[in-house]
Amino acid sequence: MPTRTNKLDLVIDPGVFKANDIRGLVGGDAPEWDLDGARAVGAAFASAFGLDGAEYVISHDMRASGPELADAFMDGAASQGASAVDIGLASTDGLWFASGHLHLPGVQLTASHNPAGYNGAKFCLPDAAPITPELMARIKELTYADLAAVPVPGGRRHLDLLDAYAAHLHALVDLSGMRRLKVVVDAGNGMAGYTTPAVLGPLNVDVIGLFTDLDGSFPNHPPNPLEPANLIDAQEAVRANAADLALVFDGDADRCFIIDERGEVVSPSAITALIAKAELVREPGGVIVVNTITSRAVGEVVEAAGGRLAISPVGHTRMKAVMAAENAIFGGEHSAHYYFRDFWRADTGMLAALHVLALLGRAESMSALVAGLPAYAASGELNTAVADPSAVMHEVGEALAGRGSASWDDGLLVSGDDWWVSVRESNTEPLLRLNVEARDEATMAALRDQALAIIRRDA
């Protein structure tokens, strides 16, 4: 149940504090956090980051509650002496850009791909560096503390960085010599509807926009491209318009899925392999980071291109940390998060899209680019709500014992010579996630069905 204090008329459920961010229901009959909750989080953020007398950058996405939550957050931060650089509407990678461009810590008010009733906050250190779990725990602790206001409150100033964001992305990709492309952009009524005109407008592309009006109620489909049903509109639009590809973004536009000219979904692992190969031409011998459930095809491509592969646990804060530790040039995740050293090691769906457009603009087709990659059969991510995730994971591990080597570094990962099975808890939702890959379809299907039977028996 939401927690109320006597100090404030505060509604904020401790459950909204996730491993790396905040997400919870806003408004309605049972809100998990409200404006006073946002004010308390703002004060906690400023105190935890030591921002008395210093600035931070803040933005929000298109959700209806965003402007009011951002305003309340800034009020709370000001009570602890922190001054806001308010850039207003922005994609999450727009906030990462602002943090790097201004060398300031930042916060983005967003719930990413969650349903319309949700909102949340993502935080970063200066230069878009990830926060630590300890710092996130400190924000949670201070949210419920009685923080006295400092003598000199912080202020706020407004800044428009959209054009600077677009210019920076253009500077990172060689877009010269491209043939003209016809590109479907499905913004899902999310922030890509705001950034696409600035980023793609000046390029040699014809844009066919789907659901580009900003609308946090998501009237057309949920803003989560990981769900196949949410890709259907873009697939149909590609076929109907004889387009070269489609770009499908999530709500806060930090992820981008690719649909080829046939209307077929291109796996994020394939996109990771293609961009990695191109980046290794630019920096021979460079390091590429992937997570534990990225296709083995990426490692084969990286090795063939003379690069080195580094493995990270799933999640943007962990990926960013490994990117920094390895001085990696590029990184990619199965969920279509793509990370670039030249973008402060942060994830950006739009920069990944530009890399794909640059490659496609010099190639016959998207499907031809993918056809040149090593082939594996993959289950895709299969999500199930279970009563006891740990027990279920161990049961899957016991069922596969002796068939491959098991690791518990990031959930359960069982690896064979030409297959792997991953079962892990979500960082953001009460779900168990299954991913399976094998060299052939029959092996993948058998492993997938065996694991699913165990997982769903407990559901």
Foldseek 3Di string as FASTA:
>chain_A
DFDADPLDRWGAALVQQFQFKGKWFEDDDRGNGYLLLLLLLLLLLLVLVVQQQHEAEEEEKLQPCTVSSVVSSQNSVQLARYEYAYAYHAFPLRRLLVLAVVQAKYKYWAPWQDARRMIIIGIAGRNRAGDHSVSSVSSSVSSPDDDGGDPGTYYYDYDHCLLVVLVLLVVVDPQPPFDEFEEEEEQLLADCLVNVCNNVVVHRYHYDYHNSHNDSNSPPDGQAVLDVVVLVVVLVVLQVVLGQKYWRAGRSQLFTWIAGSNSHTDFQLLLLQLVLLVVCVVPPQFEEEEEPQRDCLSVVSQVVSRYHYDYFHDDQNGQLVVCVVRVGQKYTYRSRFIAGVSSSRGTGRVSSVSNLSSVQSPDDGPVVSSVPTQDKDKDRKDKDQFDDLVVLLVVLVVVCPPQADWDPPHRIWGDHPFKIWHWHADSNDNIIIIMIMGNDDVVRVVSVVVSCVSRVVRD
